[in-house]
């Protein structure tokens, strides 16, 4: 009999209704560290698209909080999985800012987003333990790893793992990086299995907190005349790009090699949708470590129209691929897949699984 492990039983996502296109930033005033940027917004937006390949992104409306999106994605995942919500042993939410009210920069984690999701889903079972993971963009994937470890330990049969974020409410209105960030939620129901043809085969997590912890943090606006008491998400974009290319491919390979599988059998790579140019460079370097070209169609993307919703990008993308919403992409039961993420911390994680 195969060792117990977690497998994905169901998926769900919440796509916010408000589409914000690149053209909507034409009347913004952009700053960098030296002051107002001496370029036209047309040129700034054109270069932004060339680097990130983002054309538009989704924002939550003013009536919707992170926990609302998380609960809706969870409902869809539970329905897809076909299990009773009272059967859950764990509800784990990856989030970095919690419930941020429109017009506020105050991150609200009391109670946790997971507890709020449990409340919104009206789950009464006290044995369904709810907690959050604050782990940067890799938070959802780290939640999957933690659920898997609980299942291997024999203390869990079903877990709900969600990634949800409203980055539109914590972005600097004067930063070019504001165009990257988006909102959304993705959820998965994990099930304990001993089926050798399904589930997590290997995983890896690394934290490069010294000296890279401050590559992503909260800071006052780039506009020195803006209220200095307010802090927004800030990233050292070029340094993060270099860090990711130097460290993520090797971490992905180490994770995949632990699985004992043949790289030629790998069907899909679901990578955090941070920047398409960066993601494609990471995947290219990953296959170069195996002296292979990148197989056609192995890396699905949705960043062009979804933007970067942090912890929500991978579960949202998986749900869309699985349900036929990404042209030319499909995900079948038994497919060998690799998931990987990088983000604030700086954290890197990866999972090899048979879907």
Protein backbone atom coordinates (compact mmCIF):
# COMPACT_ATOMS: atom_id res chain seq x y z
CA UNK A 1 0.00 0.00 0.00
CA UNK A 2 1.23 3.48 -0.88
CA UNK A 3 2.05 5.99 1.88
CA UNK A 4 -0.81 8.35 2.78
CA UNK A 5 -0.76 11.72 1.07
CA UNK A 6 -2.97 14.61 0.08
CA UNK A 7 -4.62 14.87 -3.31
CA UNK A 8 -6.77 17.58 -4.82
CA UNK A 9 -10.40 16.52 -4.79
CA UNK A 10 -12.07 19.77 -5.87
CA UNK A 11 -11.27 23.30 -7.02
CA UNK A 12 -13.06 26.64 -7.06
CA UNK A 13 -12.32 30.31 -7.66
CA UNK A 14 -13.81 33.77 -7.36
CA UNK A 15 -13.05 36.22 -10.16
CA UNK A 16 -13.86 39.81 -9.10
CA UNK A 17 -16.27 41.67 -11.42
CA UNK A 18 -14.30 44.87 -12.02
CA UNK A 19 -11.91 44.73 -14.98
CA UNK A 20 -9.23 47.44 -14.94
CA UNK A 21 -7.31 47.79 -18.20
CA UNK A 22 -3.87 49.27 -18.73
CA UNK A 23 -5.42 52.27 -20.46
CA UNK A 24 -7.12 53.15 -17.17
CA UNK A 25 -3.71 54.25 -15.83
CA UNK A 26 -3.09 56.86 -18.53
CA UNK A 27 -4.03 59.76 -16.25
CA UNK A 28 -2.01 58.57 -13.23
CA UNK A 29 1.09 60.38 -11.96
CA UNK A 30 3.94 57.89 -11.54
CA UNK A 31 6.98 58.29 -9.28
CA UNK A 32 10.16 56.33 -8.70
CA UNK A 33 12.74 56.80 -5.93
CA UNK A 34 14.02 59.97 -7.59
CA UNK A 35 10.66 61.69 -8.01
CA UNK A 36 8.15 62.00 -10.86
CA UNK A 37 9.06 59.75 -13.80
CA UNK A 38 10.14 61.78 -16.81
CA UNK A 39 8.37 59.59 -19.38
CA UNK A 40 4.93 59.62 -20.91
CA UNK A 41 2.37 57.29 -19.38
CA UNK A 42 1.97 55.69 -22.80
CA UNK A 43 5.63 54.67 -22.70
CA UNK A 44 5.45 53.55 -19.05
CA UNK A 45 2.44 51.36 -19.78
CA UNK A 46 3.97 49.96 -22.98
CA UNK A 47 7.15 48.90 -21.16
CA UNK A 48 5.10 47.54 -18.28
CA UNK A 49 3.21 45.27 -20.69
CA UNK A 50 6.41 44.14 -22.41
CA UNK A 51 7.82 42.98 -19.05
CA UNK A 52 4.75 41.56 -17.34
CA UNK A 53 2.44 40.74 -20.27
CA UNK A 54 -0.48 42.10 -18.20
CA UNK A 55 -3.22 43.82 -20.21
CA UNK A 56 -5.84 44.01 -17.46
CA UNK A 57 -6.53 42.90 -13.92
CA UNK A 58 -9.54 42.27 -11.65
CA UNK A 59 -10.52 44.30 -8.59
CA UNK A 60 -13.10 43.53 -5.93
CA UNK A 61 -16.04 45.91 -5.69
CA UNK A 62 -16.53 48.07 -2.60
CA UNK A 63 -19.00 45.62 -1.03
CA UNK A 64 -16.59 42.69 -1.12
CA UNK A 65 -13.86 41.75 1.36
CA UNK A 66 -11.10 39.18 1.12
CA UNK A 67 -13.07 36.79 3.33
CA UNK A 68 -16.12 37.14 1.06
CA UNK A 69 -14.09 36.12 -1.99
CA UNK A 70 -12.44 33.30 -0.05
CA UNK A 71 -15.80 31.95 1.10
CA UNK A 72 -17.25 32.02 -2.42
CA UNK A 73 -14.24 30.19 -3.88
CA UNK A 74 -14.53 27.68 -1.02
CA UNK A 75 -18.21 27.03 -1.73
CA UNK A 76 -17.39 26.22 -5.34
CA UNK A 77 -14.52 23.94 -4.34
CA UNK A 78 -16.66 22.05 -1.82
CA UNK A 79 -19.40 21.62 -4.41
CA UNK A 80 -16.84 20.40 -6.94
CA UNK A 81 -15.39 17.96 -4.40
CA UNK A 82 -18.82 16.63 -3.49
CA UNK A 83 -18.21 16.45 0.26
CA UNK A 84 -20.16 17.80 3.22
CA UNK A 85 -18.53 20.95 4.63
CA UNK A 86 -18.87 19.45 8.14
CA UNK A 87 -16.36 16.74 7.13
CA UNK A 88 -13.51 19.24 6.95
CA UNK A 89 -10.69 18.83 9.46
CA UNK A 90 -8.79 21.99 8.46
CA UNK A 91 -9.59 25.32 6.85
CA UNK A 92 -6.34 27.03 5.90
CA UNK A 93 -6.19 30.45 4.24
CA UNK A 94 -3.15 32.07 2.68
CA UNK A 95 -3.48 35.86 2.89
CA UNK A 96 -1.12 38.76 3.58
CA UNK A 97 -3.43 41.65 4.37
CA UNK A 98 -6.65 40.04 5.60
CA UNK A 99 -9.89 41.99 5.27
CA UNK A 100 -8.99 45.50 4.14
CA UNK A 101 -11.99 47.82 4.02
CA UNK A 102 -12.28 50.05 0.92
CA UNK A 103 -10.50 53.33 1.59
CA UNK A 104 -8.55 51.86 4.49
CA UNK A 105 -5.02 50.47 4.71
CA UNK A 106 -5.72 48.68 7.98
CA UNK A 107 -5.09 44.90 7.69
CA UNK A 108 -7.75 43.08 9.69
CA UNK A 109 -6.86 39.55 10.84
CA UNK A 110 -9.02 39.40 13.98
CA UNK A 111 -10.57 36.93 13.71
CA UNK A 112 -8.51 35.14 11.09
CA UNK A 113 -9.75 35.00 7.50
CA UNK A 114 -10.06 31.24 7.90
CA UNK A 115 -12.34 31.71 10.92
CA UNK A 116 -14.42 34.20 8.94
CA UNK A 117 -14.69 31.74 6.05
CA UNK A 118 -15.84 29.05 8.46
CA UNK A 119 -18.46 31.48 9.80
CA UNK A 120 -19.63 32.52 6.32
CA UNK A 121 -19.93 28.87 5.28
CA UNK A 122 -21.85 28.16 8.52
CA UNK A 123 -19.62 25.22 9.45
CA UNK A 124 -20.51 24.14 12.97
CA UNK A 125 -18.01 21.32 13.53
CA UNK A 126 -15.54 22.55 16.22
CA UNK A 127 -13.00 19.96 15.08
CA UNK A 128 -12.64 21.84 11.77
CA UNK A 129 -9.58 23.89 12.74
CA UNK A 130 -9.31 27.27 10.97
CA UNK A 131 -6.10 29.29 10.69
CA UNK A 132 -4.24 31.65 8.36
CA UNK A 133 -0.80 31.47 6.83
CA UNK A 134 1.03 34.76 6.22
CA UNK A 135 3.78 33.60 3.89
CA UNK A 136 3.88 36.05 1.00
CA UNK A 137 2.71 34.92 -2.42
CA UNK A 138 3.63 31.26 -1.67
CA UNK A 139 1.02 31.20 1.15
CA UNK A 140 -1.59 29.06 -0.60
CA UNK A 141 0.98 26.48 -1.68
CA UNK A 142 2.45 26.39 1.82
CA UNK A 143 -1.08 25.75 3.10
CA UNK A 144 -1.29 22.77 0.73
CA UNK A 145 2.01 21.46 2.10
CA UNK A 146 0.85 21.87 5.70
CA UNK A 147 -2.43 20.07 4.96
CA UNK A 148 -0.47 17.26 3.32
CA UNK A 149 1.74 16.90 6.41
CA UNK A 150 -1.35 16.70 8.65
CA UNK A 151 -2.72 13.94 6.45
CA UNK A 152 0.57 12.04 6.50
CA UNK A 153 0.49 12.31 10.31
CA UNK A 154 -2.93 10.67 10.33
CA UNK A 155 -4.84 13.58 11.89
CA UNK A 156 -6.74 14.80 8.86
CA UNK A 157 -8.87 13.36 6.06
CA UNK A 158 -10.20 16.51 4.40
CA UNK A 159 -8.77 20.03 4.24
CA UNK A 160 -9.89 23.22 2.56
CA UNK A 161 -6.98 25.42 1.44
CA UNK A 162 -7.69 28.90 0.09
CA UNK A 163 -5.63 31.78 -1.28
CA UNK A 164 -7.35 35.18 -1.24
CA UNK A 165 -6.19 38.77 -1.46
CA UNK A 166 -7.33 42.34 -2.20
CA UNK A 167 -4.05 43.95 -3.25
CA UNK A 168 -5.92 46.76 -5.01
CA UNK A 169 -6.46 48.32 -1.57
CA UNK A 170 -2.83 48.32 -0.44
CA UNK A 171 -1.01 49.55 -3.57
CA UNK A 172 0.77 52.88 -3.82
CA UNK A 173 -1.27 55.13 -6.14
CA UNK A 174 1.97 56.71 -7.39
CA UNK A 175 3.93 53.54 -8.19
CA UNK A 176 4.24 51.80 -11.55
CA UNK A 177 4.07 48.53 -9.62
CA UNK A 178 0.44 49.38 -8.84
CA UNK A 179 -0.42 48.05 -12.29
CA UNK A 180 0.77 44.55 -11.35
CA UNK A 181 -1.50 43.95 -8.39
CA UNK A 182 -4.97 42.41 -8.49
CA UNK A 183 -7.65 40.77 -6.37
CA UNK A 184 -9.11 37.27 -6.35
CA UNK A 185 -9.52 33.97 -4.55
CA UNK A 186 -8.83 30.33 -5.36
CA UNK A 187 -9.65 27.27 -3.25
CA UNK A 188 -8.94 23.56 -3.21
CA UNK A 189 -10.34 20.67 -1.22
CA UNK A 190 -7.66 18.13 -0.35
CA UNK A 191 -8.38 14.51 0.51
CA UNK A 192 -6.30 11.83 2.20
CA UNK A 193 -5.42 9.05 -0.26
CA UNK A 194 -3.15 6.03 -0.49
CA UNK A 195 -3.66 5.75 -4.25
CA UNK A 196 -0.17 5.58 -5.82
CA UNK A 197 -1.57 7.25 -8.93
CA UNK A 198 -2.72 10.41 -7.13
CA UNK A 199 -1.58 13.05 -4.69
CA UNK A 200 1.54 14.86 -3.51
CA UNK A 201 4.78 13.04 -4.28
CA UNK A 202 7.29 15.59 -3.01
CA UNK A 203 7.52 19.11 -1.67
CA UNK A 204 10.14 21.72 -0.75
CA UNK A 205 10.15 25.05 1.07
CA UNK A 206 13.03 27.52 1.49
CA UNK A 207 13.16 30.88 3.29
CA UNK A 208 15.84 33.36 2.25
CA UNK A 209 15.16 35.91 4.97
CA UNK A 210 18.74 37.14 5.27
CA UNK A 211 19.48 39.36 3.49
CA UNK A 212 16.44 39.22 1.17
CA UNK A 213 13.59 39.76 3.67
CA UNK A 214 13.13 43.41 2.69
CA UNK A 215 12.82 42.92 -1.07
CA UNK A 216 9.06 43.00 -0.47
CA UNK A 217 7.65 45.06 2.39
CA UNK A 218 5.31 47.90 3.32
CA UNK A 219 6.57 51.47 2.88
CA UNK A 220 5.24 55.00 2.53
CA UNK A 221 4.31 56.21 -0.96
CA UNK A 222 6.99 57.02 -3.53
CA UNK A 223 5.40 60.47 -3.62
CA UNK A 224 7.16 62.34 -0.75
CA UNK A 225 4.21 64.72 -0.43
CA UNK A 226 1.73 61.90 0.17
CA UNK A 227 0.66 61.06 3.75
CA UNK A 228 3.79 59.42 5.28
CA UNK A 229 1.76 57.63 7.93
CA UNK A 230 0.24 55.39 5.26
CA UNK A 231 2.17 52.38 4.07
CA UNK A 232 1.71 50.46 0.83
CA UNK A 233 3.07 47.26 -0.65
CA UNK A 234 6.52 47.94 -2.05
CA UNK A 235 8.90 45.68 -3.96
CA UNK A 236 12.41 45.87 -5.32
CA UNK A 237 11.29 44.61 -8.72
CA UNK A 238 14.67 44.18 -10.41
CA UNK A 239 16.24 42.50 -7.38
CA UNK A 240 13.26 40.15 -7.00
CA UNK A 241 13.53 39.24 -10.69
CA UNK A 242 17.20 38.34 -10.26
CA UNK A 243 16.55 36.48 -7.01
CA UNK A 244 13.79 34.39 -8.59
CA UNK A 245 15.86 33.44 -11.63
CA UNK A 246 18.85 32.52 -9.46
CA UNK A 247 16.97 30.40 -6.91
CA UNK A 248 13.57 29.17 -8.09
CA UNK A 249 14.64 26.83 -10.96
CA UNK A 250 17.04 24.92 -8.68
CA UNK A 251 14.36 24.63 -5.98
CA UNK A 252 11.88 23.30 -8.54
CA UNK A 253 14.42 20.72 -9.70
CA UNK A 254 15.25 19.63 -6.15
CA UNK A 255 11.55 19.16 -5.45
CA UNK A 256 10.86 17.29 -8.66
CA UNK A 257 13.89 15.01 -8.26
CA UNK A 258 12.62 13.99 -4.81
CA UNK A 259 9.50 12.60 -6.47
CA UNK A 260 11.46 9.97 -8.37
CA UNK A 261 9.46 10.71 -11.51
CA UNK A 262 10.80 11.08 -15.05
CA UNK A 263 10.96 14.71 -16.18
CA UNK A 264 9.67 13.62 -19.59
CA UNK A 265 6.38 12.66 -17.94
CA UNK A 266 5.74 16.14 -16.53
CA UNK A 267 2.52 17.51 -18.02
CA UNK A 268 2.06 20.96 -16.49
CA UNK A 269 3.87 23.57 -14.41
CA UNK A 270 1.59 25.86 -12.40
CA UNK A 271 3.78 28.76 -11.32
CA UNK A 272 2.81 31.85 -9.34
CA UNK A 273 1.54 34.44 -11.82
CA UNK A 274 3.81 37.32 -10.83
CA UNK A 275 5.32 38.42 -14.12
CA UNK A 276 5.03 36.37 -17.31
CA UNK A 277 8.49 37.27 -18.59
CA UNK A 278 10.00 36.17 -15.28
CA UNK A 279 7.91 32.99 -15.13
CA UNK A 280 8.92 31.94 -18.63
CA UNK A 281 12.58 32.61 -17.81
CA UNK A 282 12.29 30.50 -14.64
CA UNK A 283 10.72 27.58 -16.52
CA UNK A 284 13.32 27.84 -19.28
CA UNK A 285 16.14 27.66 -16.70
CA UNK A 286 14.39 24.75 -14.96
CA UNK A 287 14.38 22.64 -18.13
CA UNK A 288 17.91 23.73 -18.96
CA UNK A 289 18.96 21.95 -15.75
CA UNK A 290 17.73 18.76 -17.46
CA UNK A 291 19.32 19.73 -20.80
CA UNK A 292 15.85 19.97 -22.31
CA UNK A 293 13.91 22.60 -24.24
CA UNK A 294 10.67 23.82 -22.70
CA UNK A 295 7.85 21.51 -23.84
CA UNK A 296 5.14 23.34 -25.73
CA UNK A 297 2.12 24.30 -23.64
CA UNK A 298 3.56 23.10 -20.32
CA UNK A 299 3.12 26.46 -18.54
CA UNK A 300 -0.48 27.74 -18.51
CA UNK A 301 -0.93 31.44 -17.75
CA UNK A 302 -3.78 33.78 -16.93
CA UNK A 303 -1.80 36.85 -15.86
CA UNK A 304 -2.59 38.71 -19.10
CA UNK A 305 -6.17 39.34 -17.98
CA UNK A 306 -6.02 38.55 -14.25
CA UNK A 307 -2.92 40.38 -13.01
CA UNK A 308 -1.03 39.28 -9.90
CA UNK A 309 -3.40 38.37 -7.06
CA UNK A 310 -0.59 36.98 -4.87
CA UNK A 311 -1.70 33.85 -2.98
CA UNK A 312 -4.69 33.40 -5.30
CA UNK A 313 -2.85 33.04 -8.60
CA UNK A 314 -2.03 29.31 -8.62
CA UNK A 315 -5.36 27.93 -7.31
CA UNK A 316 -7.29 30.31 -9.58
CA UNK A 317 -5.23 29.27 -12.61
CA UNK A 318 -5.62 25.56 -11.81
CA UNK A 319 -9.38 25.95 -11.49
CA UNK A 320 -9.62 27.80 -14.80
CA UNK A 321 -7.48 25.23 -16.63
CA UNK A 322 -9.37 22.33 -15.11
CA UNK A 323 -12.70 23.83 -16.16
CA UNK A 324 -11.64 24.61 -19.72
CA UNK A 325 -11.40 28.38 -19.33
CA UNK A 326 -7.82 28.75 -20.62
CA UNK A 327 -7.65 28.12 -24.39
CA UNK A 328 -5.40 25.24 -25.41
CA UNK A 329 -4.93 23.99 -21.85
CA UNK A 330 -6.38 21.03 -19.97
CA UNK A 331 -5.75 19.17 -16.71
CA UNK A 332 -6.65 15.50 -16.39
CA UNK A 333 -6.77 13.11 -13.47
CA UNK A 334 -3.42 11.38 -13.10
CA UNK A 335 -1.43 14.14 -14.81
CA UNK A 336 2.00 14.70 -13.29
CA UNK A 337 2.27 18.39 -12.40
CA UNK A 338 4.68 20.74 -10.64
CA UNK A 339 3.57 23.78 -8.63
CA UNK A 340 5.97 26.55 -7.60
CA UNK A 341 5.86 29.99 -6.01
CA UNK A 342 8.15 32.76 -4.80
CA UNK A 343 7.36 35.84 -2.75
CA UNK A 344 7.77 38.02 0.32
CA UNK A 345 10.04 36.52 2.94
CA UNK A 346 11.73 35.76 0.59
CA UNK A 347 10.08 32.36 0.42
CA UNK A 348 10.18 29.71 -2.30
CA UNK A 349 8.15 26.52 -2.35
CA UNK A 350 7.29 23.75 -4.78
CA UNK A 351 5.12 20.63 -4.91
CA UNK A 352 5.18 17.66 -7.28
CA UNK A 353 1.88 15.81 -7.51
CA UNK A 354 -0.26 13.58 -9.63
CA UNK A 355 -3.50 15.38 -10.08
